[in-house]
Amino acid sequence: MKTFIIRSFIGIFFGSFVAVLITNLSILFGDLVMIDGSLFLKNSIGSILCGWLFTVSPLYFENRKWNLLQQTIAHFLTVILLYLILAFSIGWLPFTIISILLTLFISIAVYTIFWIAFYLYFKNQARKLNEDLKKI
């Protein structure tokens, strides 16, 4: 529970940072004199919820009762479903079949790349630790 709360705060703060950063960059480079307050609020809340979602959802990988396949499927389904609900309700994505399929395709491709990269990284770390243990 402590890890969940700590990660929640990190995600909320990171999402807030991203929202403010994007708004400031839009004002700075977009020649905006004024911003729409309700639009800023809606997008900020979306960014905060995304930050929370993407920092809390990896907790699936700490569940030792599940194997890696179960953890990966649960994590991916949670992330993609909650993100799609959030993106459609806020208006980040239009609610069309094309946008749903394109988002799913891009998400699967990006998720696969990141999953393989993390898998190889942690496999290499485990190999190094095992080699160090053999030296002891």
N, C-alpha and C. Protein backbone atom coordinates (compact mmCIF):
# COMPACT_ATOMS: atom_id res chain seq x y z
N MET A 1 0.83 -1.19 0.00
CA MET A 1 0.00 0.00 0.00
C MET A 1 0.87 1.26 0.00
N LYS A 2 1.99 1.19 0.74
CA LYS A 2 2.90 2.33 0.79
C LYS A 2 3.46 2.63 -0.60
N THR A 3 3.84 1.58 -1.33
CA THR A 3 4.38 1.75 -2.68
C THR A 3 3.33 2.37 -3.60
N PHE A 4 2.08 1.92 -3.47
CA PHE A 4 0.99 2.46 -4.28
C PHE A 4 0.81 3.96 -4.03
N ILE A 5 0.84 4.36 -2.79
CA ILE A 5 0.67 5.77 -2.44
C ILE A 5 1.84 6.61 -2.94
N ILE A 6 3.06 6.11 -2.75
CA ILE A 6 4.23 6.85 -3.22
C ILE A 6 4.21 7.00 -4.73
N ARG A 7 3.92 5.91 -5.43
CA ARG A 7 3.85 5.98 -6.90
C ARG A 7 2.70 6.88 -7.35
N SER A 8 1.60 6.87 -6.62
CA SER A 8 0.48 7.74 -6.96
C SER A 8 0.91 9.20 -6.91
N PHE A 9 1.59 9.59 -5.84
CA PHE A 9 2.06 10.97 -5.74
C PHE A 9 3.06 11.32 -6.84
N ILE A 10 3.96 10.41 -7.14
CA ILE A 10 4.93 10.65 -8.21
C ILE A 10 4.22 10.84 -9.54
N GLY A 11 3.25 9.98 -9.83
CA GLY A 11 2.50 10.09 -11.08
C GLY A 11 1.69 11.37 -11.17
N ILE A 12 1.06 11.73 -10.08
CA ILE A 12 0.26 12.97 -10.06
C ILE A 12 1.16 14.17 -10.26
N PHE A 13 2.28 14.21 -9.58
CA PHE A 13 3.20 15.33 -9.74
C PHE A 13 3.80 15.37 -11.15
N PHE A 14 4.15 14.21 -11.70
CA PHE A 14 4.70 14.17 -13.04
C PHE A 14 3.66 14.62 -14.08
N GLY A 15 2.42 14.14 -13.92
CA GLY A 15 1.34 14.56 -14.82
C GLY A 15 1.08 16.05 -14.74
N SER A 16 1.14 16.60 -13.54
CA SER A 16 0.97 18.04 -13.37
C SER A 16 2.10 18.80 -14.04
N PHE A 17 3.31 18.31 -13.88
CA PHE A 17 4.47 18.95 -14.50
C PHE A 17 4.33 18.97 -16.03
N VAL A 18 3.93 17.84 -16.59
CA VAL A 18 3.77 17.76 -18.04
C VAL A 18 2.69 18.72 -18.52
N ALA A 19 1.57 18.80 -17.79
CA ALA A 19 0.49 19.70 -18.18
C ALA A 19 0.95 21.15 -18.17
N VAL A 20 1.63 21.56 -17.14
CA VAL A 20 2.11 22.94 -17.04
C VAL A 20 3.19 23.21 -18.09
N LEU A 21 4.08 22.25 -18.31
CA LEU A 21 5.13 22.41 -19.30
C LEU A 21 4.55 22.59 -20.70
N ILE A 22 3.60 21.75 -21.07
CA ILE A 22 2.98 21.85 -22.40
C ILE A 22 2.23 23.17 -22.54
N THR A 23 1.54 23.58 -21.49
CA THR A 23 0.82 24.85 -21.54
C THR A 23 1.79 26.01 -21.70
N ASN A 24 2.86 26.01 -20.94
CA ASN A 24 3.85 27.09 -21.04
C ASN A 24 4.52 27.12 -22.42
N LEU A 25 4.85 25.95 -22.96
CA LEU A 25 5.45 25.91 -24.28
C LEU A 25 4.47 26.39 -25.36
N SER A 26 3.19 26.03 -25.19
CA SER A 26 2.17 26.50 -26.13
C SER A 26 2.04 28.01 -26.09
N ILE A 27 2.09 28.59 -24.91
CA ILE A 27 2.00 30.05 -24.77
C ILE A 27 3.26 30.70 -25.33
N LEU A 28 4.40 30.13 -25.02
CA LEU A 28 5.67 30.72 -25.43
C LEU A 28 5.88 30.66 -26.95
N PHE A 29 5.64 29.48 -27.53
CA PHE A 29 5.92 29.31 -28.95
C PHE A 29 4.67 29.43 -29.83
N GLY A 30 3.50 29.47 -29.24
CA GLY A 30 2.27 29.54 -30.02
C GLY A 30 1.69 30.93 -30.11
N ASP A 31 2.40 31.92 -29.60
CA ASP A 31 1.94 33.30 -29.62
C ASP A 31 0.54 33.45 -29.01
N LEU A 32 0.28 32.70 -27.95
CA LEU A 32 -0.99 32.82 -27.25
C LEU A 32 -0.91 33.94 -26.23
N VAL A 33 -1.92 34.76 -26.21
CA VAL A 33 -1.99 35.82 -25.21
C VAL A 33 -2.78 35.33 -24.00
N MET A 34 -3.83 34.54 -24.29
CA MET A 34 -4.68 34.01 -23.24
C MET A 34 -4.98 32.54 -23.52
N ILE A 35 -5.21 31.77 -22.48
CA ILE A 35 -5.59 30.38 -22.67
C ILE A 35 -7.02 30.20 -22.19
N ASP A 36 -7.65 29.16 -22.71
CA ASP A 36 -9.01 28.81 -22.31
C ASP A 36 -8.93 28.05 -20.99
N GLY A 37 -9.48 28.61 -19.94
CA GLY A 37 -9.38 28.02 -18.61
C GLY A 37 -10.01 26.65 -18.51
N SER A 38 -11.20 26.47 -19.10
CA SER A 38 -11.85 25.16 -19.00
C SER A 38 -11.09 24.10 -19.80
N LEU A 39 -10.53 24.48 -20.94
CA LEU A 39 -9.72 23.55 -21.72
C LEU A 39 -8.44 23.18 -20.97
N PHE A 40 -7.81 24.19 -20.33
CA PHE A 40 -6.61 23.92 -19.53
C PHE A 40 -6.94 22.96 -18.38
N LEU A 41 -8.06 23.19 -17.71
CA LEU A 41 -8.46 22.33 -16.59
C LEU A 41 -8.70 20.90 -17.06
N LYS A 42 -9.44 20.76 -18.16
CA LYS A 42 -9.75 19.42 -18.69
C LYS A 42 -8.47 18.68 -19.08
N ASN A 43 -7.57 19.34 -19.79
CA ASN A 43 -6.34 18.69 -20.23
C ASN A 43 -5.38 18.44 -19.07
N SER A 44 -5.37 19.33 -18.09
CA SER A 44 -4.52 19.12 -16.92
C SER A 44 -4.96 17.91 -16.11
N ILE A 45 -6.27 17.80 -15.92
CA ILE A 45 -6.79 16.64 -15.19
C ILE A 45 -6.47 15.36 -15.95
N GLY A 46 -6.60 15.39 -17.28
CA GLY A 46 -6.24 14.23 -18.09
C GLY A 46 -4.77 13.87 -17.96
N SER A 47 -3.92 14.87 -17.98
CA SER A 47 -2.48 14.64 -17.83
C SER A 47 -2.14 14.08 -16.46
N ILE A 48 -2.78 14.60 -15.44
CA ILE A 48 -2.57 14.10 -14.08
C ILE A 48 -3.01 12.64 -13.97
N LEU A 49 -4.18 12.33 -14.53
CA LEU A 49 -4.67 10.94 -14.47
C LEU A 49 -3.77 10.00 -15.28
N CYS A 50 -3.26 10.47 -16.42
CA CYS A 50 -2.32 9.64 -17.21
C CYS A 50 -1.04 9.41 -16.41
N GLY A 51 -0.52 10.46 -15.78
CA GLY A 51 0.68 10.31 -14.97
C GLY A 51 0.47 9.30 -13.87
N TRP A 52 -0.68 9.37 -13.22
CA TRP A 52 -1.00 8.42 -12.15
C TRP A 52 -1.10 7.01 -12.72
N LEU A 53 -1.83 6.86 -13.83
CA LEU A 53 -2.04 5.54 -14.43
C LEU A 53 -0.73 4.88 -14.82
N PHE A 54 0.16 5.63 -15.44
CA PHE A 54 1.40 5.04 -15.94
C PHE A 54 2.45 4.82 -14.86
N THR A 55 2.27 5.39 -13.67
CA THR A 55 3.21 5.08 -12.58
C THR A 55 2.68 4.01 -11.63
N VAL A 56 1.37 3.84 -11.58
CA VAL A 56 0.79 2.85 -10.67
C VAL A 56 0.63 1.49 -11.35
N SER A 57 0.33 1.48 -12.64
CA SER A 57 0.05 0.22 -13.33
C SER A 57 1.23 -0.76 -13.36
N PRO A 58 2.49 -0.32 -13.34
CA PRO A 58 3.58 -1.31 -13.30
C PRO A 58 3.62 -2.15 -12.01
N LEU A 59 2.78 -1.85 -11.05
CA LEU A 59 2.72 -2.67 -9.84
C LEU A 59 2.29 -4.11 -10.15
N TYR A 60 1.65 -4.31 -11.30
CA TYR A 60 1.34 -5.69 -11.71
C TYR A 60 2.59 -6.55 -11.76
N PHE A 61 3.70 -5.96 -12.15
CA PHE A 61 4.94 -6.73 -12.30
C PHE A 61 5.59 -7.07 -10.96
N GLU A 62 5.04 -6.57 -9.88
CA GLU A 62 5.54 -6.93 -8.56
C GLU A 62 4.71 -8.02 -7.90
N ASN A 63 3.66 -8.48 -8.58
CA ASN A 63 2.82 -9.56 -8.07
C ASN A 63 3.51 -10.89 -8.38
N ARG A 64 4.11 -11.50 -7.38
CA ARG A 64 4.90 -12.72 -7.56
C ARG A 64 4.02 -13.97 -7.74
N LYS A 65 2.71 -13.83 -7.52
CA LYS A 65 1.82 -14.98 -7.70
C LYS A 65 1.52 -15.21 -9.18
N TRP A 66 1.70 -14.19 -10.01
CA TRP A 66 1.45 -14.31 -11.44
C TRP A 66 2.75 -14.51 -12.19
N ASN A 67 2.65 -15.20 -13.32
CA ASN A 67 3.84 -15.32 -14.17
C ASN A 67 3.94 -14.07 -15.05
N LEU A 68 5.02 -13.97 -15.80
CA LEU A 68 5.29 -12.77 -16.59
C LEU A 68 4.21 -12.51 -17.64
N LEU A 69 3.69 -13.57 -18.25
CA LEU A 69 2.65 -13.40 -19.26
C LEU A 69 1.37 -12.82 -18.65
N GLN A 70 0.96 -13.33 -17.50
CA GLN A 70 -0.23 -12.80 -16.82
C GLN A 70 -0.03 -11.34 -16.42
N GLN A 71 1.14 -11.02 -15.90
CA GLN A 71 1.44 -9.64 -15.51
C GLN A 71 1.39 -8.71 -16.71
N THR A 72 1.99 -9.14 -17.82
CA THR A 72 2.05 -8.32 -19.02
C THR A 72 0.66 -8.09 -19.60
N ILE A 73 -0.15 -9.14 -19.69
CA ILE A 73 -1.50 -9.00 -20.23
C ILE A 73 -2.34 -8.09 -19.35
N ALA A 74 -2.30 -8.29 -18.05
CA ALA A 74 -3.08 -7.45 -17.13
C ALA A 74 -2.63 -5.99 -17.23
N HIS A 75 -1.32 -5.77 -17.28
CA HIS A 75 -0.80 -4.41 -17.37
C HIS A 75 -1.22 -3.75 -18.67
N PHE A 76 -1.03 -4.44 -19.79
CA PHE A 76 -1.38 -3.85 -21.09
C PHE A 76 -2.86 -3.54 -21.17
N LEU A 77 -3.72 -4.49 -20.78
CA LEU A 77 -5.16 -4.26 -20.87
C LEU A 77 -5.61 -3.11 -19.97
N THR A 78 -5.05 -3.05 -18.78
CA THR A 78 -5.40 -1.95 -17.87
C THR A 78 -4.99 -0.61 -18.47
N VAL A 79 -3.77 -0.52 -18.95
CA VAL A 79 -3.26 0.73 -19.49
C VAL A 79 -4.04 1.15 -20.73
N ILE A 80 -4.23 0.24 -21.67
CA ILE A 80 -4.87 0.62 -22.93
C ILE A 80 -6.34 0.96 -22.72
N LEU A 81 -7.04 0.17 -21.92
CA LEU A 81 -8.47 0.45 -21.71
C LEU A 81 -8.68 1.77 -20.97
N LEU A 82 -7.94 1.98 -19.88
CA LEU A 82 -8.11 3.22 -19.13
C LEU A 82 -7.65 4.43 -19.93
N TYR A 83 -6.57 4.28 -20.70
CA TYR A 83 -6.12 5.40 -21.52
C TYR A 83 -7.16 5.74 -22.59
N LEU A 84 -7.71 4.72 -23.26
CA LEU A 84 -8.72 4.98 -24.29
C LEU A 84 -9.96 5.65 -23.71
N ILE A 85 -10.41 5.19 -22.57
CA ILE A 85 -11.56 5.83 -21.91
C ILE A 85 -11.25 7.29 -21.61
N LEU A 86 -10.07 7.54 -21.05
CA LEU A 86 -9.66 8.90 -20.72
C LEU A 86 -9.52 9.75 -21.98
N ALA A 87 -8.83 9.24 -22.98
CA ALA A 87 -8.57 10.02 -24.21
C ALA A 87 -9.86 10.34 -24.95
N PHE A 88 -10.80 9.41 -24.99
CA PHE A 88 -12.07 9.68 -25.68
C PHE A 88 -12.94 10.64 -24.88
N SER A 89 -12.97 10.49 -23.56
CA SER A 89 -13.83 11.35 -22.74
C SER A 89 -13.31 12.78 -22.69
N ILE A 90 -12.00 12.98 -22.75
CA ILE A 90 -11.43 14.33 -22.71
C ILE A 90 -11.44 14.97 -24.09
N GLY A 91 -11.37 14.14 -25.13
CA GLY A 91 -11.36 14.67 -26.48
C GLY A 91 -9.99 14.66 -27.12
N TRP A 92 -9.06 13.93 -26.52
CA TRP A 92 -7.72 13.82 -27.10
C TRP A 92 -7.77 13.02 -28.40
N LEU A 93 -8.70 12.05 -28.46
CA LEU A 93 -8.88 11.23 -29.65
C LEU A 93 -10.33 11.30 -30.08
N PRO A 94 -10.57 11.35 -31.39
CA PRO A 94 -11.96 11.28 -31.85
C PRO A 94 -12.47 9.85 -31.69
N PHE A 95 -13.74 9.71 -31.38
CA PHE A 95 -14.33 8.39 -31.15
C PHE A 95 -14.76 7.79 -32.48
N THR A 96 -13.78 7.26 -33.21
CA THR A 96 -14.04 6.60 -34.49
C THR A 96 -13.30 5.27 -34.51
N ILE A 97 -13.76 4.40 -35.40
CA ILE A 97 -13.11 3.08 -35.53
C ILE A 97 -11.66 3.25 -35.95
N ILE A 98 -11.41 4.17 -36.88
CA ILE A 98 -10.04 4.38 -37.36
C ILE A 98 -9.12 4.83 -36.23
N SER A 99 -9.58 5.76 -35.40
CA SER A 99 -8.72 6.23 -34.31
C SER A 99 -8.52 5.15 -33.26
N ILE A 100 -9.53 4.34 -33.02
CA ILE A 100 -9.38 3.23 -32.07
C ILE A 100 -8.35 2.22 -32.59
N LEU A 101 -8.50 1.82 -33.85
CA LEU A 101 -7.57 0.83 -34.42
C LEU A 101 -6.16 1.38 -34.53
N LEU A 102 -6.03 2.65 -34.95
CA LEU A 102 -4.71 3.26 -35.05
C LEU A 102 -4.05 3.36 -33.67
N THR A 103 -4.82 3.77 -32.67
CA THR A 103 -4.29 3.86 -31.31
C THR A 103 -3.88 2.49 -30.80
N LEU A 104 -4.69 1.47 -31.06
CA LEU A 104 -4.34 0.11 -30.63
C LEU A 104 -3.07 -0.36 -31.34
N PHE A 105 -2.97 -0.13 -32.64
CA PHE A 105 -1.78 -0.55 -33.38
C PHE A 105 -0.53 0.14 -32.86
N ILE A 106 -0.58 1.44 -32.69
CA ILE A 106 0.57 2.20 -32.19
C ILE A 106 0.91 1.75 -30.77
N SER A 107 -0.11 1.57 -29.94
CA SER A 107 0.11 1.16 -28.54
C SER A 107 0.77 -0.21 -28.46
N ILE A 108 0.30 -1.14 -29.28
CA ILE A 108 0.90 -2.48 -29.27
C ILE A 108 2.35 -2.42 -29.73
N ALA A 109 2.62 -1.64 -30.77
CA ALA A 109 3.99 -1.53 -31.28
C ALA A 109 4.91 -0.89 -30.24
N VAL A 110 4.50 0.21 -29.65
CA VAL A 110 5.33 0.90 -28.65
C VAL A 110 5.49 0.03 -27.41
N TYR A 111 4.39 -0.58 -26.97
CA TYR A 111 4.44 -1.44 -25.79
C TYR A 111 5.41 -2.59 -26.00
N THR A 112 5.35 -3.21 -27.19
CA THR A 112 6.23 -4.33 -27.50
C THR A 112 7.70 -3.90 -27.47
N ILE A 113 7.99 -2.76 -28.06
CA ILE A 113 9.38 -2.27 -28.06
C ILE A 113 9.87 -2.02 -26.63
N PHE A 114 9.06 -1.32 -25.83
CA PHE A 114 9.46 -1.05 -24.45
C PHE A 114 9.54 -2.32 -23.64
N TRP A 115 8.61 -3.26 -23.83
CA TRP A 115 8.62 -4.50 -23.07
C TRP A 115 9.89 -5.28 -23.36
N ILE A 116 10.25 -5.40 -24.62
CA ILE A 116 11.47 -6.14 -24.99
C ILE A 116 12.70 -5.44 -24.42
N ALA A 117 12.73 -4.12 -24.50
CA ALA A 117 13.89 -3.38 -23.97
C ALA A 117 14.04 -3.60 -22.46
N PHE A 118 12.94 -3.49 -21.73
CA PHE A 118 13.00 -3.71 -20.27
C PHE A 118 13.35 -5.16 -19.95
N TYR A 119 12.78 -6.10 -20.71
CA TYR A 119 13.06 -7.50 -20.48
C TYR A 119 14.55 -7.79 -20.66
N LEU A 120 15.11 -7.31 -21.75
CA LEU A 120 16.54 -7.54 -22.00
C LEU A 120 17.41 -6.85 -20.96
N TYR A 121 17.02 -5.65 -20.55
CA TYR A 121 17.79 -4.93 -19.53
C TYR A 121 17.80 -5.71 -18.22
N PHE A 122 16.63 -6.13 -17.75
CA PHE A 122 16.57 -6.83 -16.47
C PHE A 122 17.17 -8.23 -16.55
N LYS A 123 17.08 -8.86 -17.70
CA LYS A 123 17.73 -10.15 -17.88
C LYS A 123 19.24 -10.00 -17.78
N ASN A 124 19.77 -8.94 -18.38
CA ASN A 124 21.20 -8.65 -18.30
C ASN A 124 21.61 -8.33 -16.86
N GLN A 125 20.79 -7.57 -16.16
CA GLN A 125 21.08 -7.25 -14.75
C GLN A 125 21.11 -8.52 -13.90
N ALA A 126 20.16 -9.42 -14.14
CA ALA A 126 20.13 -10.68 -13.39
C ALA A 126 21.36 -11.52 -13.69
N ARG A 127 21.78 -11.55 -14.94
CA ARG A 127 22.99 -12.29 -15.32
C ARG A 127 24.21 -11.73 -14.59
N LYS A 128 24.34 -10.40 -14.56
CA LYS A 128 25.47 -9.78 -13.87
C LYS A 128 25.45 -10.08 -12.37
N LEU A 129 24.27 -10.02 -11.77
CA LEU A 129 24.16 -10.33 -10.34
C LEU A 129 24.53 -11.77 -10.06
N ASN A 130 24.08 -12.69 -10.91
CA ASN A 130 24.43 -14.10 -10.73
C ASN A 130 25.92 -14.34 -10.89
N GLU A 131 26.55 -13.65 -11.82
CA GLU A 131 28.00 -13.78 -11.98
C GLU A 131 28.73 -13.23 -10.74
N ASP A 132 28.25 -12.13 -10.20
CA ASP A 132 28.85 -11.58 -8.99
C ASP A 132 28.68 -12.52 -7.80
N LEU A 133 27.52 -13.17 -7.72
CA LEU A 133 27.29 -14.12 -6.63
C LEU A 133 28.21 -15.33 -6.72
N LYS A 134 28.50 -15.76 -7.93
CA LYS A 134 29.40 -16.90 -8.11
C LYS A 134 30.82 -16.57 -7.68
N LYS A 135 31.19 -15.30 -7.76
CA LYS A 135 32.53 -14.87 -7.35
C LYS A 135 32.69 -14.82 -5.83
N ILE A 136 31.60 -14.76 -5.14
CA ILE A 136 31.67 -14.64 -3.66
C ILE A 136 32.03 -15.94 -3.02
